Amino acid sequence: EVTDSRGRQIPSSEVDWGAYGSKIPFSVRQQPSEANALGELKILFPNKHAIYMHDTPQKSFFARDMRALSHGCVRLQDPRGMAAAVLGTSVDDIAEKLKHGHSTENVTRVIPVYVAYFTAWPDMSGKVEYFDDVYD
């Protein structure tokens, strides 16, 4: 979906994308759905790195040993469960809101979010294991 500065929808086929370089005067968004690259929902939280949690259409990624495939954001295996926990409601309530196209919900309480990234970790016996740095 492409919209201009006034919010009017424009067919993307009518835009000469090459004429704008890096300063495109349009907003581009993909509607939430199972086909959306971010899945049906995302959870934003304040941080200087534009990291957020999101659903994924690639549910098979969770079966992999190496899952660092989200360009720094956090893919959620159970996004509806996480949304329900953050909002203090039920998964059924989240499903109902999504079914009716409800797209934004403000969180009224402060919830600390900590994202930690380790390249070394002790195994069950206490021996330190080292891993490749996927961001290096």
Foldseek 3Di string as FASTA:
>chain_A
DKAAPVRDDDPPVPDPVVVQPPNDRIDDDDAADLPDQQHNAWADDDDPPRATEGEGNPLVLVVDPDNPPDVRHHYDNCVLVVVCVQQVHDSVVVVVCSVVVNHDDDRPDDDDDDDDDDQWDADPVRDIDGHDDPVD
